[in-house]
Amino acid sequence: MQYGGGGNAFSNLISNGSYSFSNPVFAALASYSSMTLLKMLGMSTYTMIQRFRTGNFPTSEDDIYKPLINRFSHFSSTTKSKNDIVERARNNHLNDLENIIPFVLIGFFYVSTRPKFDYALWHFRFFFLSRILYTIAYQAPLPQPTRTISWLLGYSTIISMTIPILRSIQI
């Protein structure tokens, strides 16, 4: 694409409908990205619930909640040591941040390559499924290599979406 004169590359993509819900690939990306981002937000809430349930907070400022926790929880809230339940939720959420944000960003670039709808849809489905399986494997917990395989599925999906992007770039 040429720059200058006729508008920039991004405005061309907008005007030709690549980033419009009338484009089924973009609509699918928006749908699966939204579901995956909601899942990530859910992990944040789940982590908070586990902190309250176990009384395991990271800082002394949170001691204000201890009377409430002692009243409604059977766990002791006097410890500052790491709690396995909370750490699993935290690590799961951190892994979501490390994988979902790149998926969404790469997904936007991927749409601009105008992939076939079926290919794109399967990429989006595989990634979403991988994140759900990863969460189940981590929180249940399921034996390894279940979690590793689910992570690799999502990671491979992102790499697979990146290849056509890099191939289409002309510098």
N, C-alpha and C. Protein backbone atom coordinates (compact mmCIF):
# COMPACT_ATOMS: atom_id res chain seq x y z
N MET A 1 0.84 -1.19 0.00
CA MET A 1 0.00 0.00 0.00
C MET A 1 0.87 1.24 0.00
N GLN A 2 0.43 2.22 -0.70
CA GLN A 2 1.16 3.47 -0.71
C GLN A 2 0.64 4.37 0.40
N TYR A 3 1.56 5.14 0.91
CA TYR A 3 1.19 6.07 1.97
C TYR A 3 1.19 7.48 1.43
N GLY A 4 0.29 8.27 1.94
CA GLY A 4 0.19 9.66 1.52
C GLY A 4 -0.78 9.80 0.36
N GLY A 5 -1.31 10.96 0.20
CA GLY A 5 -2.19 11.24 -0.92
C GLY A 5 -3.57 10.64 -0.75
N GLY A 6 -3.70 9.34 -0.90
CA GLY A 6 -5.01 8.69 -0.91
C GLY A 6 -5.45 8.18 0.44
N GLY A 7 -4.92 8.68 1.51
CA GLY A 7 -5.30 8.20 2.83
C GLY A 7 -4.29 7.18 3.32
N ASN A 8 -4.40 6.83 4.57
CA ASN A 8 -3.43 5.87 5.10
C ASN A 8 -3.99 4.45 5.05
N ALA A 9 -3.13 3.49 5.36
CA ALA A 9 -3.51 2.08 5.25
C ALA A 9 -4.67 1.74 6.19
N PHE A 10 -4.67 2.31 7.39
CA PHE A 10 -5.73 1.99 8.33
C PHE A 10 -7.08 2.50 7.83
N SER A 11 -7.11 3.72 7.31
CA SER A 11 -8.40 4.23 6.81
C SER A 11 -8.87 3.42 5.61
N ASN A 12 -7.93 2.90 4.81
CA ASN A 12 -8.32 2.03 3.70
C ASN A 12 -8.95 0.74 4.22
N LEU A 13 -8.40 0.18 5.29
CA LEU A 13 -8.97 -1.04 5.86
C LEU A 13 -10.36 -0.78 6.42
N ILE A 14 -10.53 0.36 7.04
CA ILE A 14 -11.84 0.71 7.59
C ILE A 14 -12.84 0.91 6.45
N SER A 15 -12.44 1.66 5.44
CA SER A 15 -13.37 1.97 4.36
C SER A 15 -13.72 0.76 3.51
N ASN A 16 -12.82 -0.23 3.42
CA ASN A 16 -13.17 -1.41 2.61
C ASN A 16 -13.88 -2.48 3.43
N GLY A 17 -14.15 -2.20 4.68
CA GLY A 17 -14.97 -3.10 5.49
C GLY A 17 -14.23 -4.17 6.26
N SER A 18 -12.89 -4.17 6.26
CA SER A 18 -12.16 -5.19 7.01
C SER A 18 -12.50 -5.16 8.49
N TYR A 19 -12.67 -3.96 9.04
CA TYR A 19 -12.97 -3.82 10.46
C TYR A 19 -14.41 -3.37 10.66
N SER A 20 -15.29 -4.11 10.05
CA SER A 20 -16.72 -3.85 10.16
C SER A 20 -17.41 -5.16 10.52
N PHE A 21 -18.50 -5.07 11.25
CA PHE A 21 -19.22 -6.29 11.60
C PHE A 21 -19.87 -6.94 10.38
N SER A 22 -19.87 -6.25 9.26
CA SER A 22 -20.35 -6.89 8.03
C SER A 22 -19.31 -7.87 7.48
N ASN A 23 -18.07 -7.76 7.97
CA ASN A 23 -17.03 -8.72 7.62
C ASN A 23 -17.15 -9.88 8.61
N PRO A 24 -17.50 -11.08 8.14
CA PRO A 24 -17.71 -12.19 9.08
C PRO A 24 -16.46 -12.58 9.87
N VAL A 25 -15.28 -12.37 9.30
CA VAL A 25 -14.05 -12.69 10.02
C VAL A 25 -13.88 -11.73 11.20
N PHE A 26 -14.10 -10.45 10.95
CA PHE A 26 -13.99 -9.47 12.03
C PHE A 26 -15.07 -9.72 13.09
N ALA A 27 -16.27 -10.04 12.65
CA ALA A 27 -17.36 -10.32 13.59
C ALA A 27 -17.01 -11.53 14.47
N ALA A 28 -16.42 -12.55 13.86
CA ALA A 28 -16.02 -13.74 14.63
C ALA A 28 -14.90 -13.38 15.61
N LEU A 29 -13.93 -12.58 15.15
CA LEU A 29 -12.86 -12.15 16.05
C LEU A 29 -13.44 -11.36 17.22
N ALA A 30 -14.34 -10.45 16.93
CA ALA A 30 -14.96 -9.65 17.99
C ALA A 30 -15.69 -10.54 18.99
N SER A 31 -16.40 -11.52 18.48
CA SER A 31 -17.15 -12.42 19.34
C SER A 31 -16.23 -13.26 20.23
N TYR A 32 -15.27 -13.94 19.62
CA TYR A 32 -14.39 -14.81 20.40
C TYR A 32 -13.44 -14.01 21.28
N SER A 33 -13.01 -12.84 20.83
CA SER A 33 -12.17 -11.99 21.68
C SER A 33 -12.97 -11.52 22.90
N SER A 34 -14.21 -11.13 22.68
CA SER A 34 -15.04 -10.67 23.79
C SER A 34 -15.27 -11.78 24.80
N MET A 35 -15.57 -12.98 24.31
CA MET A 35 -15.79 -14.10 25.24
C MET A 35 -14.51 -14.42 26.02
N THR A 36 -13.37 -14.37 25.33
CA THR A 36 -12.10 -14.68 25.98
C THR A 36 -11.73 -13.60 26.98
N LEU A 37 -11.98 -12.34 26.62
CA LEU A 37 -11.70 -11.25 27.56
C LEU A 37 -12.63 -11.32 28.78
N LEU A 38 -13.88 -11.69 28.57
CA LEU A 38 -14.79 -11.88 29.71
C LEU A 38 -14.30 -13.01 30.62
N LYS A 39 -13.78 -14.06 30.02
CA LYS A 39 -13.22 -15.16 30.80
C LYS A 39 -12.04 -14.66 31.63
N MET A 40 -11.21 -13.80 31.03
CA MET A 40 -10.07 -13.24 31.75
C MET A 40 -10.55 -12.37 32.91
N LEU A 41 -11.56 -11.54 32.67
CA LEU A 41 -12.12 -10.73 33.75
C LEU A 41 -12.71 -11.61 34.84
N GLY A 42 -13.29 -12.72 34.43
CA GLY A 42 -13.83 -13.67 35.40
C GLY A 42 -12.75 -14.23 36.31
N MET A 43 -11.55 -14.42 35.77
CA MET A 43 -10.45 -14.92 36.60
C MET A 43 -10.04 -13.89 37.64
N SER A 44 -10.14 -12.62 37.30
CA SER A 44 -9.86 -11.57 38.27
C SER A 44 -10.86 -11.64 39.42
N THR A 45 -12.11 -11.79 39.08
CA THR A 45 -13.16 -11.91 40.10
C THR A 45 -12.97 -13.17 40.92
N TYR A 46 -12.65 -14.27 40.24
CA TYR A 46 -12.43 -15.54 40.93
C TYR A 46 -11.26 -15.42 41.92
N THR A 47 -10.20 -14.73 41.52
CA THR A 47 -9.06 -14.53 42.42
C THR A 47 -9.48 -13.75 43.65
N MET A 48 -10.27 -12.70 43.45
CA MET A 48 -10.74 -11.90 44.58
C MET A 48 -11.60 -12.75 45.52
N ILE A 49 -12.48 -13.55 44.94
CA ILE A 49 -13.34 -14.41 45.75
C ILE A 49 -12.49 -15.38 46.57
N GLN A 50 -11.46 -15.95 45.95
CA GLN A 50 -10.59 -16.88 46.68
C GLN A 50 -9.83 -16.16 47.79
N ARG A 51 -9.43 -14.93 47.55
CA ARG A 51 -8.75 -14.17 48.60
C ARG A 51 -9.68 -13.95 49.80
N PHE A 52 -10.92 -13.59 49.53
CA PHE A 52 -11.87 -13.37 50.61
C PHE A 52 -12.23 -14.69 51.29
N ARG A 53 -12.37 -15.74 50.50
CA ARG A 53 -12.74 -17.04 51.05
C ARG A 53 -11.67 -17.58 51.98
N THR A 54 -10.41 -17.35 51.61
CA THR A 54 -9.30 -17.89 52.41
C THR A 54 -8.72 -16.87 53.37
N GLY A 55 -9.09 -15.60 53.21
CA GLY A 55 -8.52 -14.56 54.06
C GLY A 55 -7.07 -14.26 53.73
N ASN A 56 -6.66 -14.58 52.53
CA ASN A 56 -5.27 -14.42 52.12
C ASN A 56 -5.14 -13.19 51.23
N PHE A 57 -4.67 -12.10 51.83
CA PHE A 57 -4.52 -10.84 51.10
C PHE A 57 -3.05 -10.49 50.98
N PRO A 58 -2.70 -9.74 49.94
CA PRO A 58 -1.28 -9.46 49.70
C PRO A 58 -0.69 -8.34 50.57
N THR A 59 -1.51 -7.44 51.08
CA THR A 59 -0.97 -6.29 51.81
C THR A 59 -1.68 -6.07 53.13
N SER A 60 -1.02 -5.35 54.01
CA SER A 60 -1.60 -5.08 55.34
C SER A 60 -2.79 -4.12 55.26
N GLU A 61 -2.89 -3.33 54.18
CA GLU A 61 -4.05 -2.43 54.05
C GLU A 61 -5.35 -3.22 53.97
N ASP A 62 -5.24 -4.46 53.52
CA ASP A 62 -6.43 -5.29 53.36
C ASP A 62 -6.91 -5.90 54.68
N ASP A 63 -6.18 -5.64 55.76
CA ASP A 63 -6.58 -6.17 57.07
C ASP A 63 -7.95 -5.65 57.49
N ILE A 64 -8.39 -4.59 56.88
CA ILE A 64 -9.71 -4.04 57.19
C ILE A 64 -10.82 -5.06 56.92
N TYR A 65 -10.56 -6.01 56.03
CA TYR A 65 -11.57 -7.01 55.67
C TYR A 65 -11.57 -8.22 56.62
N LYS A 66 -10.58 -8.33 57.48
CA LYS A 66 -10.47 -9.52 58.33
C LYS A 66 -11.68 -9.76 59.23
N PRO A 67 -12.24 -8.74 59.86
CA PRO A 67 -13.43 -9.01 60.68
C PRO A 67 -14.58 -9.60 59.86
N LEU A 68 -14.75 -9.12 58.66
CA LEU A 68 -15.79 -9.65 57.78
C LEU A 68 -15.50 -11.10 57.42
N ILE A 69 -14.25 -11.38 57.12
CA ILE A 69 -13.88 -12.75 56.74
C ILE A 69 -14.02 -13.70 57.93
N ASN A 70 -13.57 -13.27 59.10
CA ASN A 70 -13.68 -14.13 60.28
C ASN A 70 -15.13 -14.44 60.61
N ARG A 71 -16.00 -13.54 60.25
CA ARG A 71 -17.42 -13.73 60.54
C ARG A 71 -18.07 -14.74 59.60
N PHE A 72 -17.66 -14.74 58.32
CA PHE A 72 -18.34 -15.55 57.32
C PHE A 72 -17.51 -16.72 56.77
N SER A 73 -16.28 -16.86 57.19
CA SER A 73 -15.42 -17.89 56.61
C SER A 73 -14.92 -18.83 57.68
N HIS A 74 -14.69 -20.08 57.30
CA HIS A 74 -14.13 -21.05 58.23
C HIS A 74 -12.61 -21.07 58.16
N PHE A 75 -12.02 -20.25 57.28
CA PHE A 75 -10.57 -20.15 57.17
C PHE A 75 -10.05 -19.09 58.13
N SER A 76 -8.83 -19.27 58.58
CA SER A 76 -8.18 -18.27 59.40
C SER A 76 -7.64 -17.17 58.50
N SER A 77 -7.82 -15.94 58.91
CA SER A 77 -7.33 -14.82 58.10
C SER A 77 -6.12 -14.16 58.73
N THR A 78 -5.40 -14.89 59.55
CA THR A 78 -4.26 -14.30 60.24
C THR A 78 -2.95 -14.53 59.51
N THR A 79 -2.94 -15.33 58.50
CA THR A 79 -1.69 -15.67 57.83
C THR A 79 -1.42 -14.77 56.62
N LYS A 80 -0.15 -14.49 56.40
CA LYS A 80 0.26 -13.75 55.21
C LYS A 80 0.98 -14.68 54.23
N SER A 81 1.08 -15.96 54.57
CA SER A 81 1.77 -16.89 53.68
C SER A 81 0.93 -17.13 52.43
N LYS A 82 1.59 -17.62 51.42
CA LYS A 82 0.89 -17.87 50.16
C LYS A 82 -0.07 -19.04 50.33
N ASN A 83 -1.19 -18.91 49.69
CA ASN A 83 -2.23 -19.93 49.74
C ASN A 83 -2.33 -20.56 48.36
N ASP A 84 -2.31 -21.89 48.29
CA ASP A 84 -2.31 -22.58 47.00
C ASP A 84 -3.53 -22.25 46.16
N ILE A 85 -4.69 -22.13 46.77
CA ILE A 85 -5.91 -21.83 46.03
C ILE A 85 -5.82 -20.44 45.40
N VAL A 86 -5.37 -19.47 46.19
CA VAL A 86 -5.23 -18.10 45.69
C VAL A 86 -4.14 -18.04 44.63
N GLU A 87 -3.03 -18.71 44.86
CA GLU A 87 -1.92 -18.68 43.90
C GLU A 87 -2.31 -19.32 42.57
N ARG A 88 -3.09 -20.37 42.62
CA ARG A 88 -3.57 -20.98 41.37
C ARG A 88 -4.43 -19.99 40.59
N ALA A 89 -5.32 -19.32 41.27
CA ALA A 89 -6.18 -18.34 40.61
C ALA A 89 -5.36 -17.18 40.06
N ARG A 90 -4.41 -16.69 40.87
CA ARG A 90 -3.55 -15.58 40.43
C ARG A 90 -2.71 -15.96 39.22
N ASN A 91 -2.09 -17.13 39.28
CA ASN A 91 -1.24 -17.57 38.18
C ASN A 91 -2.05 -17.82 36.92
N ASN A 92 -3.25 -18.34 37.08
CA ASN A 92 -4.14 -18.56 35.94
C ASN A 92 -4.49 -17.21 35.29
N HIS A 93 -4.80 -16.23 36.12
CA HIS A 93 -5.13 -14.90 35.61
C HIS A 93 -3.92 -14.27 34.92
N LEU A 94 -2.75 -14.42 35.50
CA LEU A 94 -1.53 -13.89 34.89
C LEU A 94 -1.28 -14.55 33.53
N ASN A 95 -1.49 -15.86 33.46
CA ASN A 95 -1.31 -16.55 32.19
C ASN A 95 -2.32 -16.07 31.16
N ASP A 96 -3.54 -15.77 31.60
CA ASP A 96 -4.53 -15.19 30.69
C ASP A 96 -4.03 -13.86 30.13
N LEU A 97 -3.50 -13.01 31.00
CA LEU A 97 -2.99 -11.72 30.55
C LEU A 97 -1.86 -11.89 29.53
N GLU A 98 -1.02 -12.88 29.76
CA GLU A 98 0.12 -13.11 28.88
C GLU A 98 -0.28 -13.70 27.53
N ASN A 99 -1.47 -14.27 27.43
CA ASN A 99 -1.87 -14.94 26.20
C ASN A 99 -3.06 -14.30 25.50
N ILE A 100 -4.03 -13.82 26.24
CA ILE A 100 -5.24 -13.28 25.63
C ILE A 100 -4.99 -11.93 24.97
N ILE A 101 -4.23 -11.07 25.61
CA ILE A 101 -3.94 -9.77 25.01
C ILE A 101 -3.20 -9.94 23.67
N PRO A 102 -2.16 -10.78 23.60
CA PRO A 102 -1.53 -10.99 22.28
C PRO A 102 -2.50 -11.58 21.25
N PHE A 103 -3.39 -12.48 21.68
CA PHE A 103 -4.37 -13.04 20.75
C PHE A 103 -5.25 -11.95 20.15
N VAL A 104 -5.74 -11.06 20.98
CA VAL A 104 -6.62 -10.00 20.48
C VAL A 104 -5.86 -9.07 19.53
N LEU A 105 -4.66 -8.68 19.91
CA LEU A 105 -3.87 -7.78 19.05
C LEU A 105 -3.50 -8.45 17.73
N ILE A 106 -3.00 -9.66 17.80
CA ILE A 106 -2.65 -10.40 16.58
C ILE A 106 -3.91 -10.63 15.75
N GLY A 107 -5.02 -10.88 16.41
CA GLY A 107 -6.28 -11.09 15.71
C GLY A 107 -6.67 -9.90 14.85
N PHE A 108 -6.45 -8.68 15.37
CA PHE A 108 -6.76 -7.48 14.58
C PHE A 108 -5.88 -7.41 13.34
N PHE A 109 -4.61 -7.73 13.50
CA PHE A 109 -3.73 -7.74 12.33
C PHE A 109 -4.10 -8.86 11.37
N TYR A 110 -4.47 -10.00 11.93
CA TYR A 110 -4.84 -11.17 11.12
C TYR A 110 -6.04 -10.87 10.23
N VAL A 111 -7.01 -10.15 10.75
CA VAL A 111 -8.19 -9.79 9.95
C VAL A 111 -7.77 -9.03 8.70
N SER A 112 -6.74 -8.20 8.82
CA SER A 112 -6.32 -7.40 7.67
C SER A 112 -5.71 -8.24 6.55
N THR A 113 -5.35 -9.49 6.83
CA THR A 113 -4.81 -10.36 5.78
C THR A 113 -5.92 -11.00 4.96
N ARG A 114 -7.15 -10.74 5.35
CA ARG A 114 -8.34 -11.29 4.68
C ARG A 114 -8.29 -12.82 4.58
N PRO A 115 -8.19 -13.48 5.73
CA PRO A 115 -8.15 -14.95 5.71
C PRO A 115 -9.50 -15.52 5.32
N LYS A 116 -9.49 -16.77 4.89
CA LYS A 116 -10.76 -17.44 4.63
C LYS A 116 -11.51 -17.55 5.95
N PHE A 117 -12.82 -17.38 5.86
CA PHE A 117 -13.64 -17.37 7.07
C PHE A 117 -13.48 -18.65 7.88
N ASP A 118 -13.51 -19.80 7.23
CA ASP A 118 -13.41 -21.07 7.95
C ASP A 118 -12.08 -21.19 8.70
N TYR A 119 -10.99 -20.80 8.06
CA TYR A 119 -9.68 -20.86 8.72
C TYR A 119 -9.65 -19.94 9.93
N ALA A 120 -10.13 -18.73 9.73
CA ALA A 120 -10.12 -17.76 10.82
C ALA A 120 -10.99 -18.24 11.98
N LEU A 121 -12.17 -18.74 11.65
CA LEU A 121 -13.09 -19.19 12.69
C LEU A 121 -12.47 -20.32 13.51
N TRP A 122 -11.80 -21.25 12.86
CA TRP A 122 -11.17 -22.34 13.60
C TRP A 122 -10.02 -21.84 14.47
N HIS A 123 -9.28 -20.85 13.99
CA HIS A 123 -8.24 -20.25 14.84
C HIS A 123 -8.87 -19.68 16.11
N PHE A 124 -9.93 -18.91 15.92
CA PHE A 124 -10.57 -18.26 17.07
C PHE A 124 -11.16 -19.29 18.02
N ARG A 125 -11.79 -20.32 17.47
CA ARG A 125 -12.38 -21.37 18.31
C ARG A 125 -11.32 -22.13 19.09
N PHE A 126 -10.24 -22.50 18.40
CA PHE A 126 -9.16 -23.24 19.07
C PHE A 126 -8.59 -22.42 20.22
N PHE A 127 -8.37 -21.14 19.98
CA PHE A 127 -7.80 -20.33 21.04
C PHE A 127 -8.75 -20.24 22.23
N PHE A 128 -10.01 -19.97 21.97
CA PHE A 128 -10.99 -19.87 23.06
C PHE A 128 -11.07 -21.18 23.83
N LEU A 129 -11.16 -22.28 23.11
CA LEU A 129 -11.21 -23.59 23.76
C LEU A 129 -9.95 -23.85 24.58
N SER A 130 -8.80 -23.46 24.05
CA SER A 130 -7.55 -23.68 24.78
C SER A 130 -7.55 -22.93 26.11
N ARG A 131 -8.09 -21.72 26.14
CA ARG A 131 -8.12 -20.95 27.39
C ARG A 131 -9.09 -21.55 28.40
N ILE A 132 -10.21 -22.05 27.91
CA ILE A 132 -11.17 -22.70 28.82
C ILE A 132 -10.55 -23.97 29.40
N LEU A 133 -9.94 -24.78 28.53
CA LEU A 133 -9.30 -26.02 29.00
C LEU A 133 -8.15 -25.72 29.96
N TYR A 134 -7.39 -24.68 29.67
CA TYR A 134 -6.28 -24.31 30.54
C TYR A 134 -6.80 -23.98 31.94
N THR A 135 -7.87 -23.20 31.99
CA THR A 135 -8.43 -22.81 33.28
C THR A 135 -8.95 -24.02 34.04
N ILE A 136 -9.66 -24.89 33.36
CA ILE A 136 -10.16 -26.11 34.02
C ILE A 136 -9.00 -26.95 34.53
N ALA A 137 -7.99 -27.12 33.67
CA ALA A 137 -6.83 -27.94 34.05
C ALA A 137 -6.08 -27.35 35.24
N TYR A 138 -6.02 -26.04 35.32
CA TYR A 138 -5.29 -25.39 36.41
C TYR A 138 -6.10 -25.37 37.70
N GLN A 139 -7.38 -25.10 37.60
CA GLN A 139 -8.19 -24.95 38.80
C GLN A 139 -8.68 -26.27 39.37
N ALA A 140 -8.80 -27.30 38.56
CA ALA A 140 -9.36 -28.57 39.05
C ALA A 140 -8.50 -29.24 40.13
N PRO A 141 -7.26 -29.37 40.12
CA PRO A 141 -6.30 -29.40 39.02
C PRO A 141 -6.29 -30.77 38.34
N LEU A 142 -6.07 -30.74 37.04
CA LEU A 142 -5.93 -31.97 36.26
C LEU A 142 -4.45 -32.30 36.13
N PRO A 143 -4.13 -33.58 35.96
CA PRO A 143 -2.71 -33.95 35.87
C PRO A 143 -2.05 -33.38 34.61
N GLN A 144 -0.76 -33.10 34.75
CA GLN A 144 0.01 -32.68 33.58
C GLN A 144 0.14 -33.88 32.67
N PRO A 145 0.21 -33.73 31.39
CA PRO A 145 0.45 -32.52 30.62
C PRO A 145 -0.81 -31.83 30.12
N THR A 146 -1.94 -32.00 30.79
CA THR A 146 -3.19 -31.40 30.33
C THR A 146 -3.07 -29.89 30.18
N ARG A 147 -2.56 -29.24 31.21
CA ARG A 147 -2.43 -27.78 31.16
C ARG A 147 -1.43 -27.36 30.09
N THR A 148 -0.33 -28.07 29.98
CA THR A 148 0.69 -27.74 28.98
C THR A 148 0.13 -27.88 27.57
N ILE A 149 -0.60 -28.94 27.32
CA ILE A 149 -1.17 -29.15 25.98
C ILE A 149 -2.17 -28.05 25.65
N SER A 150 -3.00 -27.68 26.62
CA SER A 150 -3.98 -26.62 26.34
C SER A 150 -3.28 -25.29 26.10
N TRP A 151 -2.21 -25.01 26.84
CA TRP A 151 -1.44 -23.79 26.60
C TRP A 151 -0.81 -23.82 25.21
N LEU A 152 -0.21 -24.96 24.85
CA LEU A 152 0.43 -25.08 23.54
C LEU A 152 -0.57 -24.91 22.40
N LEU A 153 -1.78 -25.38 22.58
CA LEU A 153 -2.82 -25.21 21.56
C LEU A 153 -3.09 -23.72 21.32
N GLY A 154 -3.24 -22.96 22.40
CA GLY A 154 -3.48 -21.53 22.26
C GLY A 154 -2.28 -20.79 21.70
N TYR A 155 -1.10 -21.13 22.18
CA TYR A 155 0.13 -20.49 21.71
C TYR A 155 0.35 -20.77 20.23
N SER A 156 0.14 -22.02 19.84
CA SER A 156 0.30 -22.40 18.43
C SER A 156 -0.70 -21.66 17.54
N THR A 157 -1.88 -21.45 18.06
CA THR A 157 -2.90 -20.71 17.31
C THR A 157 -2.44 -19.29 17.04
N ILE A 158 -1.87 -18.64 18.05
CA ILE A 158 -1.37 -17.27 17.88
C ILE A 158 -0.24 -17.25 16.85
N ILE A 159 0.66 -18.20 16.94
CA ILE A 159 1.77 -18.28 15.97
C ILE A 159 1.22 -18.51 14.56
N SER A 160 0.24 -19.39 14.45
CA SER A 160 -0.36 -19.68 13.15
C SER A 160 -1.04 -18.45 12.55
N MET A 161 -1.60 -17.60 13.39
CA MET A 161 -2.22 -16.36 12.91
C MET A 161 -1.16 -15.32 12.55
N THR A 162 -0.01 -15.40 13.18
CA THR A 162 1.06 -14.43 12.94
C THR A 162 1.76 -14.65 11.61
N ILE A 163 1.88 -15.89 11.19
CA ILE A 163 2.61 -16.21 9.95
C ILE A 163 2.04 -15.48 8.74
N PRO A 164 0.71 -15.53 8.48
CA PRO A 164 0.22 -14.79 7.31
C PRO A 164 0.38 -13.27 7.44
N ILE A 165 0.40 -12.78 8.66
CA ILE A 165 0.62 -11.34 8.86
C ILE A 165 2.02 -10.99 8.38
N LEU A 166 3.01 -11.75 8.86
CA LEU A 166 4.39 -11.46 8.49
C LEU A 166 4.63 -11.66 6.99
N ARG A 167 3.94 -12.62 6.41
CA ARG A 167 4.08 -12.85 4.96
C ARG A 167 3.48 -11.71 4.14
N SER A 168 2.48 -11.06 4.68
CA SER A 168 1.80 -10.02 3.90
C SER A 168 2.45 -8.64 4.03
N ILE A 169 3.39 -8.51 4.95
CA ILE A 169 4.04 -7.22 5.16
C ILE A 169 5.11 -7.01 4.10
N GLN A 170 5.03 -5.88 3.45
CA GLN A 170 6.02 -5.52 2.44
C GLN A 170 6.75 -4.28 2.91
N ILE A 171 8.01 -4.46 3.20
CA ILE A 171 8.80 -3.32 3.70
C ILE A 171 9.79 -2.92 2.63
